[in-house]
């Protein structure tokens, strides 16, 4: 039976060997585990460099919007809730970005399962003029494997995610991301 020092040394050697293998080979892409693929070639996952997961949903104004129909435009998809303090801080930044974009940017602010009346009151209070998407069953949040809110995805005109912000993003960072 090996002595305790021998077991400790063997465990240390195994740990170093595992670290060397991971460093040499790298970790797998998150899309391999959390995403899907389009025709087995293009990863669709909520990560930078992947195709943004598509969705169709209702807006607070009673219209239906499809992310794929916005192809050719830069789109920001932002997940938020009225009870989220950091979301309240971020919304004026998103509104300022939207107001300064002169129609070249679409913002889809996806509310996470709240009643339309509560959403409308909050939107009116903050003076938001971009598109508010309602996600009553949080299906869109599941597509994006939402980790928390606010979470913001910048999507290039070709549908590829170029930036992700976890937590509130400021105007400067958002403006740089959409350039």
C-alpha atoms as a PDB file:
ATOM      1  CA  UNK A   1       0.000   0.000   0.000  1.00  0.00           C
ATOM      2  CA  UNK A   2       1.455   3.420  -0.950  1.00  0.00           C
ATOM      3  CA  UNK A   3       2.428   5.777   1.800  1.00  0.00           C
ATOM      4  CA  UNK A   4       0.405   9.030   2.250  1.00  0.00           C
ATOM      5  CA  UNK A   5       3.278  11.086   0.827  1.00  0.00           C
ATOM      6  CA  UNK A   6       3.316   8.852  -2.247  1.00  0.00           C
ATOM      7  CA  UNK A   7      -0.433   9.365  -2.807  1.00  0.00           C
ATOM      8  CA  UNK A   8      -0.075  13.108  -2.443  1.00  0.00           C
ATOM      9  CA  UNK A   9       2.794  13.151  -4.911  1.00  0.00           C
ATOM     10  CA  UNK A  10       0.824  11.008  -7.396  1.00  0.00           C
ATOM     11  CA  UNK A  11      -2.216  13.306  -7.068  1.00  0.00           C
ATOM     12  CA  UNK A  12      -0.014  16.358  -7.643  1.00  0.00           C
ATOM     13  CA  UNK A  13       1.595  14.783 -10.728  1.00  0.00           C
ATOM     14  CA  UNK A  14      -1.853  13.874 -12.102  1.00  0.00           C
ATOM     15  CA  UNK A  15      -3.089  17.431 -11.510  1.00  0.00           C
ATOM     16  CA  UNK A  16      -0.067  18.942 -13.272  1.00  0.00           C
ATOM     17  CA  UNK A  17      -0.495  16.510 -16.184  1.00  0.00           C
ATOM     18  CA  UNK A  18      -4.182  17.463 -16.505  1.00  0.00           C
ATOM     19  CA  UNK A  19      -3.298  21.170 -16.464  1.00  0.00           C
ATOM     20  CA  UNK A  20      -0.677  20.651 -19.179  1.00  0.00           C
ATOM     21  CA  UNK A  21      -3.196  18.778 -21.352  1.00  0.00           C
ATOM     22  CA  UNK A  22      -5.857  21.479 -20.945  1.00  0.00           C
ATOM     23  CA  UNK A  23      -3.369  24.258 -21.671  1.00  0.00           C
ATOM     24  CA  UNK A  24      -2.025  22.449 -24.734  1.00  0.00           C
ATOM     25  CA  UNK A  25      -5.385  21.348 -26.156  1.00  0.00           C
ATOM     26  CA  UNK A  26      -7.559  24.225 -24.974  1.00  0.00           C
ATOM     27  CA  UNK A  27     -11.084  24.063 -23.677  1.00  0.00           C
ATOM     28  CA  UNK A  28     -13.994  23.224 -25.971  1.00  0.00           C
ATOM     29  CA  UNK A  29     -16.167  26.044 -27.268  1.00  0.00           C
ATOM     30  CA  UNK A  30     -19.259  26.685 -25.179  1.00  0.00           C
ATOM     31  CA  UNK A  31     -21.389  26.216 -28.312  1.00  0.00           C
ATOM     32  CA  UNK A  32     -20.353  22.567 -28.367  1.00  0.00           C
ATOM     33  CA  UNK A  33     -22.284  22.078 -25.136  1.00  0.00           C
ATOM     34  CA  UNK A  34     -24.953  24.774 -24.920  1.00  0.00           C
ATOM     35  CA  UNK A  35     -25.610  25.602 -28.526  1.00  0.00           C
ATOM     36  CA  UNK A  36     -27.135  24.102 -31.573  1.00  0.00           C
ATOM     37  CA  UNK A  37     -25.810  24.076 -35.074  1.00  0.00           C
ATOM     38  CA  UNK A  38     -27.360  25.172 -38.308  1.00  0.00           C
ATOM     39  CA  UNK A  39     -26.969  22.376 -40.858  1.00  0.00           C
ATOM     40  CA  UNK A  40     -24.228  20.977 -38.640  1.00  0.00           C
ATOM     41  CA  UNK A  41     -21.757  23.737 -39.516  1.00  0.00           C
ATOM     42  CA  UNK A  42     -22.652  27.161 -38.106  1.00  0.00           C
ATOM     43  CA  UNK A  43     -22.816  27.260 -34.304  1.00  0.00           C
ATOM     44  CA  UNK A  44     -25.934  28.871 -32.880  1.00  0.00           C
ATOM     45  CA  UNK A  45     -25.273  29.753 -29.287  1.00  0.00           C
ATOM     46  CA  UNK A  46     -25.253  32.790 -27.119  1.00  0.00           C
ATOM     47  CA  UNK A  47     -21.553  33.477 -27.554  1.00  0.00           C
ATOM     48  CA  UNK A  48     -19.362  35.872 -29.478  1.00  0.00           C
ATOM     49  CA  UNK A  49     -18.741  34.728 -33.033  1.00  0.00           C
ATOM     50  CA  UNK A  50     -21.845  32.525 -33.196  1.00  0.00           C
ATOM     51  CA  UNK A  51     -25.114  33.044 -35.018  1.00  0.00           C
ATOM     52  CA  UNK A  52     -27.645  34.698 -32.701  1.00  0.00           C
ATOM     53  CA  UNK A  53     -30.515  32.376 -31.830  1.00  0.00           C
ATOM     54  CA  UNK A  54     -33.563  33.476 -33.793  1.00  0.00           C
ATOM     55  CA  UNK A  55     -36.957  34.124 -32.273  1.00  0.00           C
ATOM     56  CA  UNK A  56     -40.397  35.508 -33.021  1.00  0.00           C
ATOM     57  CA  UNK A  57     -42.240  37.315 -30.238  1.00  0.00           C
ATOM     58  CA  UNK A  58     -44.870  39.898 -29.458  1.00  0.00           C
ATOM     59  CA  UNK A  59     -43.995  43.460 -28.592  1.00  0.00           C
ATOM     60  CA  UNK A  60     -45.551  45.580 -25.885  1.00  0.00           C
ATOM     61  CA  UNK A  61     -47.365  47.479 -28.655  1.00  0.00           C
ATOM     62  CA  UNK A  62     -49.074  44.295 -29.868  1.00  0.00           C
ATOM     63  CA  UNK A  63     -46.961  43.702 -32.958  1.00  0.00           C
ATOM     64  CA  UNK A  64     -45.004  40.568 -33.788  1.00  0.00           C
ATOM     65  CA  UNK A  65     -41.273  40.816 -34.398  1.00  0.00           C
ATOM     66  CA  UNK A  66     -38.843  38.246 -35.786  1.00  0.00           C
ATOM     67  CA  UNK A  67     -35.127  38.639 -35.195  1.00  0.00           C
ATOM     68  CA  UNK A  68     -34.293  37.128 -38.589  1.00  0.00           C
ATOM     69  CA  UNK A  69     -36.356  39.816 -40.344  1.00  0.00           C
ATOM     70  CA  UNK A  70     -33.910  42.406 -39.001  1.00  0.00           C
ATOM     71  CA  UNK A  71     -30.971  40.865 -40.878  1.00  0.00           C
ATOM     72  CA  UNK A  72     -28.956  43.641 -42.521  1.00  0.00           C
ATOM     73  CA  UNK A  73     -29.215  45.884 -39.457  1.00  0.00           C
ATOM     74  CA  UNK A  74     -27.215  46.044 -36.247  1.00  0.00           C
ATOM     75  CA  UNK A  75     -29.438  44.778 -33.433  1.00  0.00           C
ATOM     76  CA  UNK A  76     -29.085  44.886 -29.676  1.00  0.00           C
ATOM     77  CA  UNK A  77     -31.029  42.266 -27.718  1.00  0.00           C
ATOM     78  CA  UNK A  78     -31.252  43.249 -24.067  1.00  0.00           C
ATOM     79  CA  UNK A  79     -32.816  41.137 -21.305  1.00  0.00           C
ATOM     80  CA  UNK A  80     -34.311  43.051 -18.375  1.00  0.00           C
ATOM     81  CA  UNK A  81     -36.994  43.217 -15.688  1.00  0.00           C
ATOM     82  CA  UNK A  82     -38.689  46.101 -13.873  1.00  0.00           C
ATOM     83  CA  UNK A  83     -37.505  44.847 -10.467  1.00  0.00           C
ATOM     84  CA  UNK A  84     -33.861  44.797 -11.625  1.00  0.00           C
ATOM     85  CA  UNK A  85     -31.919  47.794 -10.258  1.00  0.00           C
ATOM     86  CA  UNK A  86     -28.996  47.485 -12.716  1.00  0.00           C
ATOM     87  CA  UNK A  87     -31.538  47.305 -15.570  1.00  0.00           C
ATOM     88  CA  UNK A  88     -32.931  50.674 -14.467  1.00  0.00           C
ATOM     89  CA  UNK A  89     -29.407  52.113 -14.634  1.00  0.00           C
ATOM     90  CA  UNK A  90     -28.758  50.671 -18.090  1.00  0.00           C
ATOM     91  CA  UNK A  91     -32.020  51.675 -19.807  1.00  0.00           C
ATOM     92  CA  UNK A  92     -31.184  55.407 -20.139  1.00  0.00           C
ATOM     93  CA  UNK A  93     -27.861  54.389 -21.717  1.00  0.00           C
ATOM     94  CA  UNK A  94     -29.666  52.210 -24.254  1.00  0.00           C
ATOM     95  CA  UNK A  95     -32.159  55.011 -24.947  1.00  0.00           C
ATOM     96  CA  UNK A  96     -29.357  57.540 -25.525  1.00  0.00           C
ATOM     97  CA  UNK A  97     -27.630  55.126 -27.912  1.00  0.00           C
ATOM     98  CA  UNK A  98     -30.883  54.479 -29.777  1.00  0.00           C
ATOM     99  CA  UNK A  99     -31.758  58.169 -30.024  1.00  0.00           C
ATOM    100  CA  UNK A 100     -28.325  58.981 -31.456  1.00  0.00           C
ATOM    101  CA  UNK A 101     -28.332  56.158 -34.006  1.00  0.00           C
ATOM    102  CA  UNK A 102     -30.659  57.888 -36.496  1.00  0.00           C
ATOM    103  CA  UNK A 103     -32.505  54.692 -37.405  1.00  0.00           C
ATOM    104  CA  UNK A 104     -29.379  52.616 -38.048  1.00  0.00           C
ATOM    105  CA  UNK A 105     -29.793  50.501 -34.907  1.00  0.00           C
ATOM    106  CA  UNK A 106     -32.596  48.307 -33.607  1.00  0.00           C
ATOM    107  CA  UNK A 107     -32.902  47.614 -29.909  1.00  0.00           C
ATOM    108  CA  UNK A 108     -35.086  44.740 -28.754  1.00  0.00           C
ATOM    109  CA  UNK A 109     -35.486  44.986 -24.983  1.00  0.00           C
ATOM    110  CA  UNK A 110     -36.820  41.591 -23.873  1.00  0.00           C
ATOM    111  CA  UNK A 111     -38.795  41.734 -20.636  1.00  0.00           C
ATOM    112  CA  UNK A 112     -38.596  38.621 -18.509  1.00  0.00           C
ATOM    113  CA  UNK A 113     -42.137  37.440 -17.847  1.00  0.00           C
ATOM    114  CA  UNK A 114     -43.819  40.474 -16.302  1.00  0.00           C
ATOM    115  CA  UNK A 115     -47.345  41.781 -16.821  1.00  0.00           C
ATOM    116  CA  UNK A 116     -47.780  44.241 -19.707  1.00  0.00           C
ATOM    117  CA  UNK A 117     -49.253  46.897 -17.380  1.00  0.00           C
ATOM    118  CA  UNK A 118     -46.167  46.917 -15.165  1.00  0.00           C
ATOM    119  CA  UNK A 119     -43.916  46.961 -18.212  1.00  0.00           C
ATOM    120  CA  UNK A 120     -45.829  49.867 -19.804  1.00  0.00           C
ATOM    121  CA  UNK A 121     -45.623  51.955 -16.618  1.00  0.00           C
ATOM    122  CA  UNK A 122     -41.860  51.444 -16.402  1.00  0.00           C
ATOM    123  CA  UNK A 123     -41.302  52.140 -20.121  1.00  0.00           C
ATOM    124  CA  UNK A 124     -43.344  55.359 -19.916  1.00  0.00           C
ATOM    125  CA  UNK A 125     -41.565  56.469 -16.742  1.00  0.00           C
ATOM    126  CA  UNK A 126     -38.144  56.041 -18.387  1.00  0.00           C
ATOM    127  CA  UNK A 127     -39.250  57.468 -21.750  1.00  0.00           C
ATOM    128  CA  UNK A 128     -38.109  54.445 -23.748  1.00  0.00           C
ATOM    129  CA  UNK A 129     -38.824  54.562 -27.481  1.00  0.00           C
ATOM    130  CA  UNK A 130     -37.134  51.392 -28.730  1.00  0.00           C
ATOM    131  CA  UNK A 131     -38.918  48.055 -29.178  1.00  0.00           C
ATOM    132  CA  UNK A 132     -40.048  46.300 -26.013  1.00  0.00           C
ATOM    133  CA  UNK A 133     -40.448  42.551 -26.462  1.00  0.00           C
ATOM    134  CA  UNK A 134     -42.504  40.550 -23.996  1.00  0.00           C
ATOM    135  CA  UNK A 135     -41.302  37.074 -23.078  1.00  0.00           C
ATOM    136  CA  UNK A 136     -44.041  35.762 -20.750  1.00  0.00           C
ATOM    137  CA  UNK A 137     -42.757  32.180 -20.537  1.00  0.00           C
ATOM    138  CA  UNK A 138     -39.100  33.276 -20.834  1.00  0.00           C
ATOM    139  CA  UNK A 139     -38.652  31.195 -23.980  1.00  0.00           C
ATOM    140  CA  UNK A 140     -36.263  33.741 -25.513  1.00  0.00           C
ATOM    141  CA  UNK A 141     -34.279  33.857 -22.283  1.00  0.00           C
ATOM    142  CA  UNK A 142     -33.903  30.063 -22.517  1.00  0.00           C
ATOM    143  CA  UNK A 143     -32.693  30.310 -26.129  1.00  0.00           C
ATOM    144  CA  UNK A 144     -29.959  32.678 -24.958  1.00  0.00           C
ATOM    145  CA  UNK A 145     -29.136  30.565 -21.896  1.00  0.00           C
ATOM    146  CA  UNK A 146     -29.658  33.695 -19.810  1.00  0.00           C
ATOM    147  CA  UNK A 147     -27.398  33.894 -16.765  1.00  0.00           C
ATOM    148  CA  UNK A 148     -28.897  37.028 -15.241  1.00  0.00           C
ATOM    149  CA  UNK A 149     -30.138  40.457 -16.087  1.00  0.00           C
ATOM    150  CA  UNK A 150     -29.370  42.763 -17.565  1.00  0.00           C
ATOM    151  CA  UNK A 151     -27.656  40.837 -20.327  1.00  0.00           C
ATOM    152  CA  UNK A 152     -27.035  42.548 -23.651  1.00  0.00           C
ATOM    153  CA  UNK A 153     -26.126  40.981 -26.992  1.00  0.00           C
ATOM    154  CA  UNK A 154     -24.862  43.060 -29.918  1.00  0.00           C
ATOM    155  CA  UNK A 155     -25.677  41.370 -33.209  1.00  0.00           C
ATOM    156  CA  UNK A 156     -24.003  42.391 -36.471  1.00  0.00           C
ATOM    157  CA  UNK A 157     -26.017  42.809 -39.686  1.00  0.00           C
ATOM    158  CA  UNK A 158     -25.035  39.250 -40.717  1.00  0.00           C
ATOM    159  CA  UNK A 159     -26.641  37.833 -37.545  1.00  0.00           C
ATOM    160  CA  UNK A 160     -23.399  37.077 -35.703  1.00  0.00           C
ATOM    161  CA  UNK A 161     -23.039  38.045 -32.025  1.00  0.00           C
ATOM    162  CA  UNK A 162     -20.128  40.492 -31.739  1.00  0.00           C
ATOM    163  CA  UNK A 163     -20.350  41.598 -28.098  1.00  0.00           C
ATOM    164  CA  UNK A 164     -22.005  40.384 -24.908  1.00  0.00           C
ATOM    165  CA  UNK A 165     -22.433  42.467 -21.777  1.00  0.00           C
ATOM    166  CA  UNK A 166     -23.353  40.732 -18.519  1.00  0.00           C
ATOM    167  CA  UNK A 167     -24.602  43.378 -16.123  1.00  0.00           C
ATOM    168  CA  UNK A 168     -25.289  47.006 -16.985  1.00  0.00           C
ATOM    169  CA  UNK A 169     -23.419  48.422 -19.975  1.00  0.00           C
ATOM    170  CA  UNK A 170     -22.638  52.122 -20.291  1.00  0.00           C
ATOM    171  CA  UNK A 171     -23.141  54.347 -23.314  1.00  0.00           C
ATOM    172  CA  UNK A 172     -19.447  54.438 -24.272  1.00  0.00           C
ATOM    173  CA  UNK A 173     -19.087  50.638 -24.270  1.00  0.00           C
ATOM    174  CA  UNK A 174     -22.341  50.188 -26.164  1.00  0.00           C
ATOM    175  CA  UNK A 175     -21.409  52.819 -28.772  1.00  0.00           C
ATOM    176  CA  UNK A 176     -18.032  51.159 -29.341  1.00  0.00           C
ATOM    177  CA  UNK A 177     -19.707  47.763 -29.695  1.00  0.00           C
ATOM    178  CA  UNK A 178     -22.093  48.880 -32.431  1.00  0.00           C
ATOM    179  CA  UNK A 179     -19.406  50.620 -34.519  1.00  0.00           C
END
